[in-house]
Amino acid sequence: QVQVVESGGGLVQPGGSLRLSCAASGRIFRIIAMGWYRQAPGKQRDLVARVTPVGTTHYLDSVKGRFTISMDSAMNTNYLQMSSLKPEDTAVYYCNVDLMESATASRNYWGQGTQVTVSA
């Protein structure tokens, strides 16, 4: 049993910034990676950014240079700092956690989603 709790979404003007937070708790043996996906109405869910405990990162091409993902391994928490936001960034953002529940069992968990709206 793992809970994934997200926070930080909201309404922001174009060019503004938001920081999303995601904390995982419960049956966690080891975190493999944590990341964020986003989904706009009528669109597929896309990977936005991912980070590993050793600091490896991956970004959607359209957010490179604007978004930064980081991780606090001791707290099983990650942060997505979003800057220079554009209307096309508007979506529900979902935290995803790839983890080991034990030495032999891997699982993926999702947060409930947090709305990010970029509008003047």
N, C-alpha and C. Protein backbone atom coordinates (compact mmCIF):
# COMPACT_ATOMS: atom_id res chain seq x y z
N GLN A 1 0.84 -1.18 0.00
CA GLN A 1 0.00 0.00 0.00
C GLN A 1 0.88 1.24 0.00
N VAL A 2 0.73 2.05 -1.03
CA VAL A 2 1.50 3.27 -1.18
C VAL A 2 0.54 4.41 -1.49
N GLN A 3 0.75 5.53 -0.84
CA GLN A 3 0.00 6.74 -1.14
C GLN A 3 0.90 7.74 -1.83
N VAL A 4 0.36 8.40 -2.85
CA VAL A 4 1.07 9.42 -3.59
C VAL A 4 0.26 10.70 -3.48
N VAL A 5 0.83 11.71 -2.85
CA VAL A 5 0.12 12.95 -2.57
C VAL A 5 0.79 14.11 -3.30
N GLU A 6 -0.01 14.83 -4.10
CA GLU A 6 0.46 15.93 -4.91
C GLU A 6 -0.05 17.26 -4.36
N SER A 7 0.71 18.32 -4.63
CA SER A 7 0.26 19.65 -4.26
C SER A 7 0.94 20.67 -5.16
N GLY A 8 0.41 21.89 -5.19
CA GLY A 8 1.06 23.00 -5.88
C GLY A 8 0.40 23.48 -7.15
N GLY A 9 -0.62 22.79 -7.62
CA GLY A 9 -1.30 23.23 -8.82
C GLY A 9 -2.11 24.50 -8.58
N GLY A 10 -2.54 25.12 -9.67
CA GLY A 10 -3.33 26.33 -9.55
C GLY A 10 -3.41 27.09 -10.85
N LEU A 11 -3.88 28.33 -10.75
CA LEU A 11 -4.03 29.23 -11.89
C LEU A 11 -2.87 30.21 -11.90
N VAL A 12 -2.24 30.37 -13.06
CA VAL A 12 -1.11 31.28 -13.20
C VAL A 12 -1.17 31.95 -14.57
N GLN A 13 -0.66 33.16 -14.65
CA GLN A 13 -0.62 33.88 -15.92
C GLN A 13 0.52 33.37 -16.79
N PRO A 14 0.39 33.51 -18.11
CA PRO A 14 1.51 33.15 -18.99
C PRO A 14 2.79 33.85 -18.56
N GLY A 15 3.89 33.10 -18.57
CA GLY A 15 5.16 33.62 -18.11
C GLY A 15 5.41 33.42 -16.63
N GLY A 16 4.41 32.99 -15.90
CA GLY A 16 4.53 32.79 -14.47
C GLY A 16 5.14 31.45 -14.12
N SER A 17 5.18 31.17 -12.81
CA SER A 17 5.82 29.96 -12.29
C SER A 17 4.94 29.26 -11.28
N LEU A 18 5.11 27.96 -11.20
CA LEU A 18 4.49 27.12 -10.18
C LEU A 18 5.47 26.03 -9.80
N ARG A 19 5.36 25.55 -8.57
CA ARG A 19 6.13 24.38 -8.15
C ARG A 19 5.19 23.30 -7.67
N LEU A 20 5.25 22.15 -8.31
CA LEU A 20 4.47 20.99 -7.91
C LEU A 20 5.31 20.10 -7.00
N SER A 21 4.66 19.53 -5.99
CA SER A 21 5.32 18.61 -5.07
C SER A 21 4.60 17.28 -5.09
N CYS A 22 5.36 16.21 -4.89
CA CYS A 22 4.79 14.86 -4.84
C CYS A 22 5.52 14.06 -3.79
N ALA A 23 4.78 13.53 -2.83
CA ALA A 23 5.36 12.72 -1.76
C ALA A 23 4.74 11.33 -1.76
N ALA A 24 5.58 10.32 -1.72
CA ALA A 24 5.14 8.93 -1.64
C ALA A 24 5.39 8.39 -0.24
N SER A 25 4.44 7.60 0.25
CA SER A 25 4.59 7.02 1.57
C SER A 25 3.94 5.64 1.60
N GLY A 26 4.37 4.82 2.56
CA GLY A 26 3.81 3.49 2.71
C GLY A 26 4.84 2.40 2.49
N ARG A 27 4.41 1.35 1.80
CA ARG A 27 5.26 0.18 1.59
C ARG A 27 6.26 0.47 0.47
N ILE A 28 7.38 1.05 0.84
CA ILE A 28 8.43 1.42 -0.12
C ILE A 28 9.75 0.82 0.32
N PHE A 29 10.26 -0.08 -0.48
CA PHE A 29 11.58 -0.65 -0.24
C PHE A 29 12.65 0.24 -0.88
N ARG A 30 12.40 0.66 -2.11
CA ARG A 30 13.32 1.52 -2.82
C ARG A 30 12.60 2.23 -3.96
N ILE A 31 12.84 3.52 -4.10
CA ILE A 31 12.32 4.29 -5.23
C ILE A 31 13.24 4.08 -6.43
N ILE A 32 12.64 3.73 -7.56
CA ILE A 32 13.39 3.61 -8.80
C ILE A 32 13.41 4.94 -9.54
N ALA A 33 12.26 5.58 -9.64
CA ALA A 33 12.15 6.87 -10.29
C ALA A 33 10.83 7.52 -9.90
N MET A 34 10.79 8.84 -9.98
CA MET A 34 9.56 9.59 -9.78
C MET A 34 9.42 10.57 -10.93
N GLY A 35 8.19 10.81 -11.34
CA GLY A 35 8.00 11.71 -12.45
C GLY A 35 6.61 12.31 -12.51
N TRP A 36 6.42 13.16 -13.50
CA TRP A 36 5.15 13.82 -13.73
C TRP A 36 4.68 13.59 -15.15
N TYR A 37 3.40 13.29 -15.28
CA TYR A 37 2.72 13.21 -16.56
C TYR A 37 1.65 14.29 -16.59
N ARG A 38 1.20 14.67 -17.78
CA ARG A 38 0.10 15.62 -17.87
C ARG A 38 -0.87 15.19 -18.95
N GLN A 39 -2.13 15.58 -18.75
CA GLN A 39 -3.18 15.22 -19.69
C GLN A 39 -4.17 16.37 -19.81
N ALA A 40 -4.31 16.89 -21.01
CA ALA A 40 -5.29 17.91 -21.32
C ALA A 40 -6.56 17.23 -21.82
N PRO A 41 -7.71 17.90 -21.73
CA PRO A 41 -8.97 17.29 -22.19
C PRO A 41 -8.88 16.79 -23.62
N GLY A 42 -9.29 15.55 -23.84
CA GLY A 42 -9.28 14.97 -25.17
C GLY A 42 -7.92 14.55 -25.68
N LYS A 43 -6.88 14.67 -24.84
CA LYS A 43 -5.53 14.33 -25.26
C LYS A 43 -5.00 13.14 -24.47
N GLN A 44 -3.93 12.55 -24.97
CA GLN A 44 -3.29 11.44 -24.28
C GLN A 44 -2.46 11.97 -23.11
N ARG A 45 -2.12 11.06 -22.21
CA ARG A 45 -1.28 11.42 -21.08
C ARG A 45 0.18 11.29 -21.48
N ASP A 46 0.94 12.37 -21.33
CA ASP A 46 2.32 12.42 -21.77
C ASP A 46 3.27 12.58 -20.59
N LEU A 47 4.43 11.96 -20.69
CA LEU A 47 5.48 12.15 -19.70
C LEU A 47 6.04 13.56 -19.83
N VAL A 48 6.12 14.28 -18.72
CA VAL A 48 6.66 15.63 -18.69
C VAL A 48 8.10 15.62 -18.21
N ALA A 49 8.37 14.95 -17.10
CA ALA A 49 9.70 14.90 -16.53
C ALA A 49 9.82 13.70 -15.61
N ARG A 50 11.04 13.19 -15.48
CA ARG A 50 11.31 12.05 -14.60
C ARG A 50 12.67 12.25 -13.96
N VAL A 51 12.82 11.77 -12.73
CA VAL A 51 14.08 11.88 -12.01
C VAL A 51 14.33 10.59 -11.22
N THR A 52 15.60 10.21 -11.09
CA THR A 52 15.98 9.05 -10.31
C THR A 52 16.70 9.49 -9.05
N PRO A 53 16.86 8.60 -8.06
CA PRO A 53 17.57 8.97 -6.83
C PRO A 53 19.02 9.39 -7.05
N VAL A 54 19.63 8.96 -8.14
CA VAL A 54 21.00 9.36 -8.42
C VAL A 54 21.07 10.62 -9.25
N GLY A 55 19.93 11.23 -9.58
CA GLY A 55 19.91 12.51 -10.24
C GLY A 55 19.75 12.49 -11.74
N THR A 56 19.55 11.33 -12.34
CA THR A 56 19.29 11.27 -13.77
C THR A 56 17.93 11.88 -14.07
N THR A 57 17.86 12.73 -15.08
CA THR A 57 16.60 13.39 -15.43
C THR A 57 16.26 13.19 -16.89
N HIS A 58 14.97 13.30 -17.19
CA HIS A 58 14.46 13.24 -18.55
C HIS A 58 13.30 14.22 -18.65
N TYR A 59 13.24 14.95 -19.77
CA TYR A 59 12.20 15.95 -19.97
C TYR A 59 11.53 15.82 -21.32
N LEU A 60 10.25 16.11 -21.34
CA LEU A 60 9.54 16.31 -22.59
C LEU A 60 10.22 17.47 -23.34
N ASP A 61 10.41 17.32 -24.63
CA ASP A 61 11.15 18.32 -25.39
C ASP A 61 10.57 19.72 -25.24
N SER A 62 9.26 19.84 -25.20
CA SER A 62 8.62 21.15 -25.16
C SER A 62 8.77 21.87 -23.82
N VAL A 63 9.25 21.19 -22.79
CA VAL A 63 9.44 21.84 -21.49
C VAL A 63 10.91 22.01 -21.13
N LYS A 64 11.81 21.53 -21.94
CA LYS A 64 13.23 21.66 -21.66
C LYS A 64 13.63 23.13 -21.55
N GLY A 65 14.40 23.45 -20.52
CA GLY A 65 14.81 24.82 -20.28
C GLY A 65 13.83 25.62 -19.48
N ARG A 66 12.61 25.12 -19.30
CA ARG A 66 11.59 25.82 -18.53
C ARG A 66 11.22 25.09 -17.24
N PHE A 67 11.22 23.77 -17.29
CA PHE A 67 10.86 22.96 -16.12
C PHE A 67 12.10 22.28 -15.56
N THR A 68 12.15 22.14 -14.25
CA THR A 68 13.24 21.43 -13.59
C THR A 68 12.65 20.47 -12.56
N ILE A 69 13.04 19.20 -12.64
CA ILE A 69 12.59 18.22 -11.68
C ILE A 69 13.74 17.86 -10.75
N SER A 70 13.43 17.68 -9.47
CA SER A 70 14.42 17.30 -8.48
C SER A 70 13.80 16.32 -7.51
N MET A 71 14.64 15.68 -6.69
CA MET A 71 14.15 14.66 -5.79
C MET A 71 14.88 14.71 -4.46
N ASP A 72 14.11 14.57 -3.38
CA ASP A 72 14.64 14.40 -2.04
C ASP A 72 14.45 12.93 -1.70
N SER A 73 15.50 12.15 -1.87
CA SER A 73 15.40 10.70 -1.70
C SER A 73 15.04 10.31 -0.27
N ALA A 74 15.57 11.04 0.71
CA ALA A 74 15.31 10.72 2.10
C ALA A 74 13.83 10.86 2.45
N MET A 75 13.12 11.74 1.75
CA MET A 75 11.71 11.99 2.03
C MET A 75 10.78 11.37 0.98
N ASN A 76 11.34 10.63 0.02
CA ASN A 76 10.54 10.05 -1.06
C ASN A 76 9.65 11.10 -1.72
N THR A 77 10.24 12.23 -1.99
CA THR A 77 9.51 13.38 -2.50
C THR A 77 10.21 13.94 -3.74
N ASN A 78 9.43 14.41 -4.70
CA ASN A 78 10.01 15.11 -5.83
C ASN A 78 9.30 16.44 -6.04
N TYR A 79 9.97 17.33 -6.77
CA TYR A 79 9.46 18.67 -7.03
C TYR A 79 9.61 18.97 -8.51
N LEU A 80 8.59 19.56 -9.09
CA LEU A 80 8.64 20.02 -10.46
C LEU A 80 8.51 21.53 -10.46
N GLN A 81 9.61 22.23 -10.69
CA GLN A 81 9.61 23.68 -10.78
C GLN A 81 9.30 24.07 -12.22
N MET A 82 8.20 24.77 -12.42
CA MET A 82 7.75 25.15 -13.74
C MET A 82 7.84 26.67 -13.88
N SER A 83 8.60 27.12 -14.87
CA SER A 83 8.78 28.54 -15.12
C SER A 83 8.41 28.85 -16.57
N SER A 84 8.26 30.13 -16.86
CA SER A 84 7.90 30.59 -18.21
C SER A 84 6.71 29.80 -18.75
N LEU A 85 5.70 29.66 -17.94
CA LEU A 85 4.55 28.83 -18.30
C LEU A 85 3.78 29.40 -19.48
N LYS A 86 3.28 28.50 -20.31
CA LYS A 86 2.54 28.84 -21.50
C LYS A 86 1.13 28.26 -21.42
N PRO A 87 0.17 28.84 -22.14
CA PRO A 87 -1.19 28.28 -22.14
C PRO A 87 -1.22 26.81 -22.52
N GLU A 88 -0.33 26.37 -23.40
CA GLU A 88 -0.31 24.97 -23.79
C GLU A 88 0.18 24.03 -22.70
N ASP A 89 0.68 24.59 -21.59
CA ASP A 89 1.03 23.77 -20.43
C ASP A 89 -0.19 23.41 -19.59
N THR A 90 -1.33 24.01 -19.89
CA THR A 90 -2.55 23.74 -19.14
C THR A 90 -2.94 22.27 -19.25
N ALA A 91 -3.11 21.62 -18.11
CA ALA A 91 -3.44 20.20 -18.08
C ALA A 91 -3.62 19.77 -16.63
N VAL A 92 -4.10 18.55 -16.45
CA VAL A 92 -4.02 17.90 -15.15
C VAL A 92 -2.67 17.20 -15.09
N TYR A 93 -1.92 17.48 -14.04
CA TYR A 93 -0.61 16.89 -13.86
C TYR A 93 -0.68 15.76 -12.84
N TYR A 94 -0.14 14.60 -13.21
CA TYR A 94 -0.18 13.42 -12.37
C TYR A 94 1.23 12.98 -11.98
N CYS A 95 1.45 12.76 -10.71
CA CYS A 95 2.71 12.22 -10.24
C CYS A 95 2.70 10.70 -10.40
N ASN A 96 3.80 10.16 -10.88
CA ASN A 96 3.97 8.72 -11.02
C ASN A 96 5.21 8.27 -10.26
N VAL A 97 5.08 7.17 -9.55
CA VAL A 97 6.18 6.64 -8.75
C VAL A 97 6.46 5.20 -9.16
N ASP A 98 7.67 4.95 -9.57
CA ASP A 98 8.15 3.62 -9.92
C ASP A 98 9.01 3.14 -8.76
N LEU A 99 8.61 2.04 -8.11
CA LEU A 99 9.29 1.64 -6.89
C LEU A 99 9.37 0.13 -6.73
N MET A 100 10.22 -0.27 -5.78
CA MET A 100 10.28 -1.65 -5.32
C MET A 100 9.56 -1.72 -3.99
N GLU A 101 8.55 -2.58 -3.87
CA GLU A 101 7.87 -2.81 -2.60
C GLU A 101 8.69 -3.72 -1.70
N SER A 102 9.52 -4.54 -2.30
CA SER A 102 10.43 -5.44 -1.61
C SER A 102 11.63 -5.65 -2.52
N ALA A 103 12.51 -6.56 -2.14
CA ALA A 103 13.68 -6.84 -2.96
C ALA A 103 13.31 -7.47 -4.30
N THR A 104 12.08 -8.00 -4.42
CA THR A 104 11.69 -8.73 -5.62
C THR A 104 10.42 -8.23 -6.30
N ALA A 105 9.74 -7.24 -5.74
CA ALA A 105 8.46 -6.81 -6.28
C ALA A 105 8.48 -5.34 -6.68
N SER A 106 8.30 -5.07 -7.97
CA SER A 106 8.25 -3.70 -8.47
C SER A 106 6.80 -3.30 -8.74
N ARG A 107 6.49 -2.02 -8.53
CA ARG A 107 5.15 -1.49 -8.72
C ARG A 107 5.21 -0.05 -9.20
N ASN A 108 4.12 0.38 -9.83
CA ASN A 108 3.92 1.77 -10.20
C ASN A 108 2.67 2.31 -9.52
N TYR A 109 2.74 3.56 -9.06
CA TYR A 109 1.61 4.20 -8.41
C TYR A 109 1.41 5.59 -8.99
N TRP A 110 0.15 6.03 -8.95
CA TRP A 110 -0.24 7.34 -9.47
C TRP A 110 -0.87 8.20 -8.39
N GLY A 111 -0.60 9.48 -8.45
CA GLY A 111 -1.33 10.44 -7.65
C GLY A 111 -2.68 10.72 -8.26
N GLN A 112 -3.49 11.51 -7.57
CA GLN A 112 -4.86 11.78 -8.03
C GLN A 112 -4.92 12.86 -9.10
N GLY A 113 -3.85 13.59 -9.30
CA GLY A 113 -3.79 14.65 -10.28
C GLY A 113 -4.04 16.02 -9.67
N THR A 114 -3.35 17.02 -10.20
CA THR A 114 -3.54 18.39 -9.77
C THR A 114 -3.64 19.29 -11.00
N GLN A 115 -4.61 20.18 -11.01
CA GLN A 115 -4.88 21.02 -12.17
C GLN A 115 -3.91 22.18 -12.25
N VAL A 116 -3.32 22.37 -13.42
CA VAL A 116 -2.50 23.54 -13.72
C VAL A 116 -3.16 24.28 -14.88
N THR A 117 -3.53 25.53 -14.65
CA THR A 117 -4.17 26.34 -15.68
C THR A 117 -3.33 27.59 -15.91
N VAL A 118 -2.92 27.79 -17.15
CA VAL A 118 -2.12 28.95 -17.54
C VAL A 118 -2.99 29.82 -18.45
N SER A 119 -3.39 30.97 -17.95
CA SER A 119 -4.32 31.82 -18.68
C SER A 119 -4.17 33.26 -18.23
N ALA A 120 -4.35 34.18 -19.17
CA ALA A 120 -4.34 35.60 -18.84
C ALA A 120 -5.66 36.04 -18.24
